[in-house]
Amino acid sequence: MSKITTVLFDFDGTIMDTNSLIINSWQYTFRTIEGKERPEADIIATLGEPLALSMKNLLPKVPVGQAIEIYRKYQYGNFSEEISIFPGMLELIKKLKREGYKMGIVTSRMTGTTIQGLEKYGIKDCFEAVVTCDHTDKHKPDPDPVNIALKILGSKPEESIMIGDSKFDILCAKNAGVKSVLVGWAIALSGEDREGEGAPEYIIEKAEDLFELI
């Protein structure tokens, strides 16, 4: 493997445990629109997708903007209280920064709440690039979000690694020529996904395991 100089992170489900927040936001949306909740499996299958696409697929009879407004009403009111950083991730990010790695966020989340989450744990300044759904019309698994981050950082794909929790992250990395790492705490990938076309090159069970790869 070429020497790794750059580490890219997904946000939701990778750095930050937003799983409960996302599920609760969807269930609030379903209760508001349909009067009842849906199976959590329906929601988990969308993790990593741009929200607008998921809304179009799960609520095809409802205007996307209307559904997103309901969803975000819950998120904005509960974001800080319902998110937490995954074990070891804070220490990993700070150590990578101290050791001189270039770091970026590549997420399908909006910029505002992404920055809010990073600021909550004092790690915003660790990232020289924060690429969100606001920065491109092409989303994971398209390579464009990773390519934007690499351009900002001045990094080459072969010297970069991407850590994520969904098939969209893994395929985005592969499509950009970046090495892919799946976090072992991912809830969005079935066994079939882990072994199929979207299989990651590496899996880490603990945040600190990343140092064995770089």
C-alpha atoms as a PDB file:
ATOM      1  CA  MET A   1       0.000   0.000   0.000  1.00  0.00           C
ATOM      2  CA  SER A   2       1.211   3.534  -0.799  1.00  0.00           C
ATOM      3  CA  LYS A   3       1.964   5.724   2.175  1.00  0.00           C
ATOM      4  CA  ILE A   4      -1.304   7.177   3.462  1.00  0.00           C
ATOM      5  CA  THR A   5      -1.275  10.947   3.907  1.00  0.00           C
ATOM      6  CA  THR A   6      -5.016  11.623   3.931  1.00  0.00           C
ATOM      7  CA  VAL A   7      -7.917  10.189   5.920  1.00  0.00           C
ATOM      8  CA  LEU A   8     -11.510  10.875   4.886  1.00  0.00           C
ATOM      9  CA  PHE A   9     -14.420  10.145   7.202  1.00  0.00           C
ATOM     10  CA  ASP A  10     -18.116   9.737   6.720  1.00  0.00           C
ATOM     11  CA  PHE A  11     -20.047  11.485   9.523  1.00  0.00           C
ATOM     12  CA  ASP A  12     -23.283   9.644  10.382  1.00  0.00           C
ATOM     13  CA  GLY A  13     -22.697   6.156  11.733  1.00  0.00           C
ATOM     14  CA  THR A  14     -18.914   6.500  11.421  1.00  0.00           C
ATOM     15  CA  ILE A  15     -17.681   9.356  13.606  1.00  0.00           C
ATOM     16  CA  MET A  16     -20.995  10.209  15.157  1.00  0.00           C
ATOM     17  CA  ASP A  17     -23.654   7.866  16.459  1.00  0.00           C
ATOM     18  CA  THR A  18     -26.689   9.482  14.891  1.00  0.00           C
ATOM     19  CA  ASN A  19     -28.531   6.202  14.309  1.00  0.00           C
ATOM     20  CA  SER A  20     -31.179   6.775  16.987  1.00  0.00           C
ATOM     21  CA  LEU A  21     -31.646  10.386  15.882  1.00  0.00           C
ATOM     22  CA  ILE A  22     -32.167   9.345  12.257  1.00  0.00           C
ATOM     23  CA  ILE A  23     -34.570   6.548  13.150  1.00  0.00           C
ATOM     24  CA  ASN A  24     -36.531   8.829  15.480  1.00  0.00           C
ATOM     25  CA  SER A  25     -36.659  11.552  12.802  1.00  0.00           C
ATOM     26  CA  TRP A  26     -38.048   9.101  10.256  1.00  0.00           C
ATOM     27  CA  GLN A  27     -40.603   7.694  12.694  1.00  0.00           C
ATOM     28  CA  TYR A  28     -41.735  11.229  13.553  1.00  0.00           C
ATOM     29  CA  THR A  29     -42.142  11.867   9.815  1.00  0.00           C
ATOM     30  CA  PHE A  30     -44.100   8.652   9.305  1.00  0.00           C
ATOM     31  CA  ARG A  31     -46.359   9.361  12.316  1.00  0.00           C
ATOM     32  CA  THR A  32     -47.011  12.887  11.069  1.00  0.00           C
ATOM     33  CA  ILE A  33     -47.793  11.878   7.482  1.00  0.00           C
ATOM     34  CA  GLU A  34     -49.212   8.356   7.837  1.00  0.00           C
ATOM     35  CA  GLY A  35     -50.350   8.239  11.456  1.00  0.00           C
ATOM     36  CA  LYS A  36     -48.146   5.266  12.324  1.00  0.00           C
ATOM     37  CA  GLU A  37     -44.518   4.145  12.429  1.00  0.00           C
ATOM     38  CA  ARG A  38     -42.797   1.759  10.022  1.00  0.00           C
ATOM     39  CA  PRO A  39     -40.346  -1.106  10.633  1.00  0.00           C
ATOM     40  CA  GLU A  40     -36.863   0.135  11.520  1.00  0.00           C
ATOM     41  CA  ALA A  41     -35.442  -2.078   8.756  1.00  0.00           C
ATOM     42  CA  ASP A  42     -37.058   0.226   6.169  1.00  0.00           C
ATOM     43  CA  ILE A  43     -35.105   3.148   7.615  1.00  0.00           C
ATOM     44  CA  ILE A  44     -31.810   1.334   8.113  1.00  0.00           C
ATOM     45  CA  ALA A  45     -31.803   0.350   4.430  1.00  0.00           C
ATOM     46  CA  THR A  46     -31.577   4.059   3.507  1.00  0.00           C
ATOM     47  CA  LEU A  47     -28.622   4.980   5.743  1.00  0.00           C
ATOM     48  CA  GLY A  48     -25.938   6.729   3.716  1.00  0.00           C
ATOM     49  CA  GLU A  49     -28.315   7.863   0.965  1.00  0.00           C
ATOM     50  CA  PRO A  50     -29.089  11.532   0.323  1.00  0.00           C
ATOM     51  CA  LEU A  51     -32.246  12.356   2.282  1.00  0.00           C
ATOM     52  CA  ALA A  52     -34.190  13.618  -0.732  1.00  0.00           C
ATOM     53  CA  LEU A  53     -33.707  10.310  -2.560  1.00  0.00           C
ATOM     54  CA  SER A  54     -34.822   8.315   0.481  1.00  0.00           C
ATOM     55  CA  MET A  55     -37.891  10.516   0.880  1.00  0.00           C
ATOM     56  CA  LYS A  56     -38.809  10.042  -2.766  1.00  0.00           C
ATOM     57  CA  ASN A  57     -38.525   6.266  -2.432  1.00  0.00           C
ATOM     58  CA  LEU A  58     -40.256   5.819   0.929  1.00  0.00           C
ATOM     59  CA  LEU A  59     -42.933   8.515   0.579  1.00  0.00           C
ATOM     60  CA  PRO A  60     -43.539   8.744  -3.185  1.00  0.00           C
ATOM     61  CA  LYS A  61     -46.992  10.368  -2.824  1.00  0.00           C
ATOM     62  CA  VAL A  62     -45.745  13.213  -0.627  1.00  0.00           C
ATOM     63  CA  PRO A  63     -43.855  16.236  -2.010  1.00  0.00           C
ATOM     64  CA  VAL A  64     -40.203  15.740  -1.103  1.00  0.00           C
ATOM     65  CA  GLY A  65     -39.840  19.240   0.305  1.00  0.00           C
ATOM     66  CA  GLN A  66     -42.811  18.778   2.615  1.00  0.00           C
ATOM     67  CA  ALA A  67     -41.529  15.465   3.955  1.00  0.00           C
ATOM     68  CA  ILE A  68     -38.003  16.830   4.478  1.00  0.00           C
ATOM     69  CA  GLU A  69     -39.382  19.830   6.378  1.00  0.00           C
ATOM     70  CA  ILE A  70     -41.146  17.501   8.834  1.00  0.00           C
ATOM     71  CA  TYR A  71     -38.035  15.325   9.207  1.00  0.00           C
ATOM     72  CA  ARG A  72     -35.740  18.278   9.819  1.00  0.00           C
ATOM     73  CA  LYS A  73     -38.151  19.827  12.327  1.00  0.00           C
ATOM     74  CA  TYR A  74     -37.463  16.824  14.558  1.00  0.00           C
ATOM     75  CA  GLN A  75     -33.717  16.834  13.849  1.00  0.00           C
ATOM     76  CA  TYR A  76     -33.219  20.504  14.585  1.00  0.00           C
ATOM     77  CA  GLY A  77     -35.069  20.197  17.869  1.00  0.00           C
ATOM     78  CA  ASN A  78     -33.217  17.103  19.062  1.00  0.00           C
ATOM     79  CA  PHE A  79     -29.852  16.986  17.275  1.00  0.00           C
ATOM     80  CA  SER A  80     -27.399  17.901  20.025  1.00  0.00           C
ATOM     81  CA  GLU A  81     -29.186  15.833  22.664  1.00  0.00           C
ATOM     82  CA  GLU A  82     -29.484  12.646  20.597  1.00  0.00           C
ATOM     83  CA  ILE A  83     -26.016  12.375  19.020  1.00  0.00           C
ATOM     84  CA  SER A  84     -22.861  10.972  20.588  1.00  0.00           C
ATOM     85  CA  ILE A  85     -19.367  10.236  19.302  1.00  0.00           C
ATOM     86  CA  PHE A  86     -18.419   6.586  18.854  1.00  0.00           C
ATOM     87  CA  PRO A  87     -15.927   5.111  21.364  1.00  0.00           C
ATOM     88  CA  GLY A  88     -12.317   5.855  20.468  1.00  0.00           C
ATOM     89  CA  MET A  89     -13.173   8.182  17.592  1.00  0.00           C
ATOM     90  CA  LEU A  90     -12.357  11.404  19.425  1.00  0.00           C
ATOM     91  CA  GLU A  91      -8.930  10.085  20.392  1.00  0.00           C
ATOM     92  CA  LEU A  92      -8.304   8.749  16.867  1.00  0.00           C
ATOM     93  CA  ILE A  93      -9.085  12.059  15.188  1.00  0.00           C
ATOM     94  CA  LYS A  94      -6.939  14.072  17.605  1.00  0.00           C
ATOM     95  CA  LYS A  95      -4.029  11.648  17.218  1.00  0.00           C
ATOM     96  CA  LEU A  96      -4.243  11.755  13.413  1.00  0.00           C
ATOM     97  CA  LYS A  97      -4.177  15.542  13.602  1.00  0.00           C
ATOM     98  CA  ARG A  98      -1.143  15.549  15.901  1.00  0.00           C
ATOM     99  CA  GLU A  99       0.702  13.165  13.581  1.00  0.00           C
ATOM    100  CA  GLY A 100       0.174  15.427  10.574  1.00  0.00           C
ATOM    101  CA  TYR A 101      -2.413  13.531   8.520  1.00  0.00           C
ATOM    102  CA  LYS A 102      -4.705  15.588   6.287  1.00  0.00           C
ATOM    103  CA  MET A 103      -8.334  14.918   7.167  1.00  0.00           C
ATOM    104  CA  GLY A 104     -11.710  15.533   5.598  1.00  0.00           C
ATOM    105  CA  ILE A 105     -15.384  14.815   6.142  1.00  0.00           C
ATOM    106  CA  VAL A 106     -17.414  13.440   3.218  1.00  0.00           C
ATOM    107  CA  THR A 107     -21.087  13.216   4.163  1.00  0.00           C
ATOM    108  CA  SER A 108     -24.585  13.263   2.684  1.00  0.00           C
ATOM    109  CA  ARG A 109     -25.701  15.371   5.663  1.00  0.00           C
ATOM    110  CA  MET A 110     -26.229  19.148   5.390  1.00  0.00           C
ATOM    111  CA  THR A 111     -23.392  21.476   6.376  1.00  0.00           C
ATOM    112  CA  GLY A 112     -25.120  23.092   9.362  1.00  0.00           C
ATOM    113  CA  THR A 113     -25.697  20.009  11.484  1.00  0.00           C
ATOM    114  CA  THR A 114     -22.398  18.447  10.394  1.00  0.00           C
ATOM    115  CA  ILE A 115     -20.505  21.454  11.767  1.00  0.00           C
ATOM    116  CA  GLN A 116     -22.719  21.483  14.858  1.00  0.00           C
ATOM    117  CA  GLY A 117     -21.769  17.881  15.617  1.00  0.00           C
ATOM    118  CA  LEU A 118     -18.049  18.488  15.091  1.00  0.00           C
ATOM    119  CA  GLU A 119     -18.158  21.582  17.291  1.00  0.00           C
ATOM    120  CA  LYS A 120     -19.953  19.720  20.075  1.00  0.00           C
ATOM    121  CA  TYR A 121     -16.874  17.521  20.484  1.00  0.00           C
ATOM    122  CA  GLY A 122     -14.272  20.177  19.689  1.00  0.00           C
ATOM    123  CA  ILE A 123     -12.963  18.546  16.512  1.00  0.00           C
ATOM    124  CA  LYS A 124     -14.114  20.940  13.781  1.00  0.00           C
ATOM    125  CA  ASP A 125     -10.607  22.379  13.372  1.00  0.00           C
ATOM    126  CA  CYS A 126      -9.149  18.893  12.833  1.00  0.00           C
ATOM    127  CA  PHE A 127     -10.713  18.806   9.362  1.00  0.00           C
ATOM    128  CA  GLU A 128      -9.388  20.922   6.518  1.00  0.00           C
ATOM    129  CA  ALA A 129     -12.210  19.810   4.224  1.00  0.00           C
ATOM    130  CA  VAL A 130     -15.878  19.274   5.073  1.00  0.00           C
ATOM    131  CA  VAL A 131     -17.817  18.162   1.989  1.00  0.00           C
ATOM    132  CA  THR A 132     -21.586  17.823   2.478  1.00  0.00           C
ATOM    133  CA  CYS A 133     -24.661  17.424   0.315  1.00  0.00           C
ATOM    134  CA  ASP A 134     -24.630  21.224  -0.063  1.00  0.00           C
ATOM    135  CA  HIS A 135     -21.410  21.118  -2.090  1.00  0.00           C
ATOM    136  CA  THR A 136     -22.394  18.879  -5.003  1.00  0.00           C
ATOM    137  CA  ASP A 137     -25.405  17.609  -6.936  1.00  0.00           C
ATOM    138  CA  LYS A 138     -23.667  14.248  -7.286  1.00  0.00           C
ATOM    139  CA  HIS A 139     -23.818  12.127  -4.174  1.00  0.00           C
ATOM    140  CA  LYS A 140     -22.373   8.839  -2.913  1.00  0.00           C
ATOM    141  CA  PRO A 141     -21.750   6.351  -4.477  1.00  0.00           C
ATOM    142  CA  ASP A 142     -20.691   8.842  -7.179  1.00  0.00           C
ATOM    143  CA  PRO A 143     -17.003   9.720  -6.592  1.00  0.00           C
ATOM    144  CA  ASP A 144     -17.607  13.481  -6.806  1.00  0.00           C
ATOM    145  CA  PRO A 145     -17.814  14.167  -3.027  1.00  0.00           C
ATOM    146  CA  VAL A 146     -14.504  12.375  -2.414  1.00  0.00           C
ATOM    147  CA  ASN A 147     -12.925  14.071  -5.435  1.00  0.00           C
ATOM    148  CA  ILE A 148     -13.933  17.477  -4.062  1.00  0.00           C
ATOM    149  CA  ALA A 149     -12.380  16.663  -0.683  1.00  0.00           C
ATOM    150  CA  LEU A 150      -9.150  15.459  -2.304  1.00  0.00           C
ATOM    151  CA  LYS A 151      -8.921  18.640  -4.385  1.00  0.00           C
ATOM    152  CA  ILE A 152      -9.377  20.826  -1.292  1.00  0.00           C
ATOM    153  CA  LEU A 153      -6.735  18.838   0.589  1.00  0.00           C
ATOM    154  CA  GLY A 154      -4.333  18.616  -2.341  1.00  0.00           C
ATOM    155  CA  SER A 155      -4.229  14.834  -1.977  1.00  0.00           C
ATOM    156  CA  LYS A 156      -3.902  11.943  -4.399  1.00  0.00           C
ATOM    157  CA  PRO A 157      -6.396   9.035  -4.371  1.00  0.00           C
ATOM    158  CA  GLU A 158      -3.653   6.408  -3.985  1.00  0.00           C
ATOM    159  CA  GLU A 159      -2.449   8.145  -0.794  1.00  0.00           C
ATOM    160  CA  SER A 160      -5.907   8.397   0.717  1.00  0.00           C
ATOM    161  CA  ILE A 161      -8.248   6.198   2.734  1.00  0.00           C
ATOM    162  CA  MET A 162     -12.001   6.570   3.374  1.00  0.00           C
ATOM    163  CA  ILE A 163     -13.783   5.301   6.483  1.00  0.00           C
ATOM    164  CA  GLY A 164     -17.536   4.745   6.369  1.00  0.00           C
ATOM    165  CA  ASP A 165     -20.446   2.646   7.558  1.00  0.00           C
ATOM    166  CA  SER A 166     -22.544   2.086   4.434  1.00  0.00           C
ATOM    167  CA  LYS A 167     -22.260   0.619   0.959  1.00  0.00           C
ATOM    168  CA  PHE A 168     -22.565   4.181  -0.381  1.00  0.00           C
ATOM    169  CA  ASP A 169     -19.356   5.155   1.434  1.00  0.00           C
ATOM    170  CA  ILE A 170     -17.477   2.088   0.268  1.00  0.00           C
ATOM    171  CA  LEU A 171     -18.549   2.420  -3.367  1.00  0.00           C
ATOM    172  CA  CYS A 172     -17.839   6.169  -3.336  1.00  0.00           C
ATOM    173  CA  ALA A 173     -14.301   5.455  -2.159  1.00  0.00           C
ATOM    174  CA  LYS A 174     -13.785   2.700  -4.716  1.00  0.00           C
ATOM    175  CA  ASN A 175     -15.158   4.844  -7.540  1.00  0.00           C
ATOM    176  CA  ALA A 176     -12.691   7.589  -6.599  1.00  0.00           C
ATOM    177  CA  GLY A 177      -9.739   5.186  -6.427  1.00  0.00           C
ATOM    178  CA  VAL A 178      -9.445   5.612  -2.648  1.00  0.00           C
ATOM    179  CA  LYS A 179      -8.902   2.714  -0.241  1.00  0.00           C
ATOM    180  CA  SER A 180     -12.087   1.821   1.641  1.00  0.00           C
ATOM    181  CA  VAL A 181     -12.573   0.968   5.302  1.00  0.00           C
ATOM    182  CA  LEU A 182     -15.812  -0.211   6.897  1.00  0.00           C
ATOM    183  CA  VAL A 183     -16.395   0.370  10.599  1.00  0.00           C
ATOM    184  CA  GLY A 184     -17.371  -2.773  12.478  1.00  0.00           C
ATOM    185  CA  TRP A 185     -20.140  -0.925  14.314  1.00  0.00           C
ATOM    186  CA  ALA A 186     -22.041  -0.280  11.069  1.00  0.00           C
ATOM    187  CA  ILE A 187     -25.741  -1.165  11.218  1.00  0.00           C
ATOM    188  CA  ALA A 188     -26.415  -0.312   7.578  1.00  0.00           C
ATOM    189  CA  LEU A 189     -24.610  -3.195   5.871  1.00  0.00           C
ATOM    190  CA  SER A 190     -25.837  -6.769   5.664  1.00  0.00           C
ATOM    191  CA  GLY A 191     -23.421  -9.685   5.352  1.00  0.00           C
ATOM    192  CA  GLU A 192     -24.183  -9.863   1.641  1.00  0.00           C
ATOM    193  CA  ASP A 193     -23.221  -6.194   1.195  1.00  0.00           C
ATOM    194  CA  ARG A 194     -19.958  -6.743   3.034  1.00  0.00           C
ATOM    195  CA  GLU A 195     -18.962  -9.491   0.613  1.00  0.00           C
ATOM    196  CA  GLY A 196     -20.455  -8.313  -2.692  1.00  0.00           C
ATOM    197  CA  GLU A 197     -19.622  -5.535  -5.115  1.00  0.00           C
ATOM    198  CA  GLY A 198     -19.523  -3.016  -2.287  1.00  0.00           C
ATOM    199  CA  ALA A 199     -17.195  -5.089  -0.105  1.00  0.00           C
ATOM    200  CA  PRO A 200     -14.659  -2.892   1.704  1.00  0.00           C
ATOM    201  CA  GLU A 201     -10.929  -3.486   1.421  1.00  0.00           C
ATOM    202  CA  TYR A 202     -10.639  -3.343   5.200  1.00  0.00           C
ATOM    203  CA  ILE A 203     -12.858  -3.584   8.275  1.00  0.00           C
ATOM    204  CA  ILE A 204     -11.948  -2.082  11.633  1.00  0.00           C
ATOM    205  CA  GLU A 205     -13.690  -3.203  14.810  1.00  0.00           C
ATOM    206  CA  LYS A 206     -12.309  -0.372  16.964  1.00  0.00           C
ATOM    207  CA  ALA A 207     -11.385   3.175  15.976  1.00  0.00           C
ATOM    208  CA  GLU A 208      -7.738   2.723  16.955  1.00  0.00           C
ATOM    209  CA  ASP A 209      -7.452  -0.263  14.589  1.00  0.00           C
ATOM    210  CA  LEU A 210      -7.087   2.284  11.768  1.00  0.00           C
ATOM    211  CA  PHE A 211      -3.441   2.781  12.723  1.00  0.00           C
ATOM    212  CA  GLU A 212      -2.714  -0.795  11.670  1.00  0.00           C
ATOM    213  CA  LEU A 213      -3.686   0.191   8.115  1.00  0.00           C
ATOM    214  CA  ILE A 214      -1.872   3.503   7.724  1.00  0.00           C
END
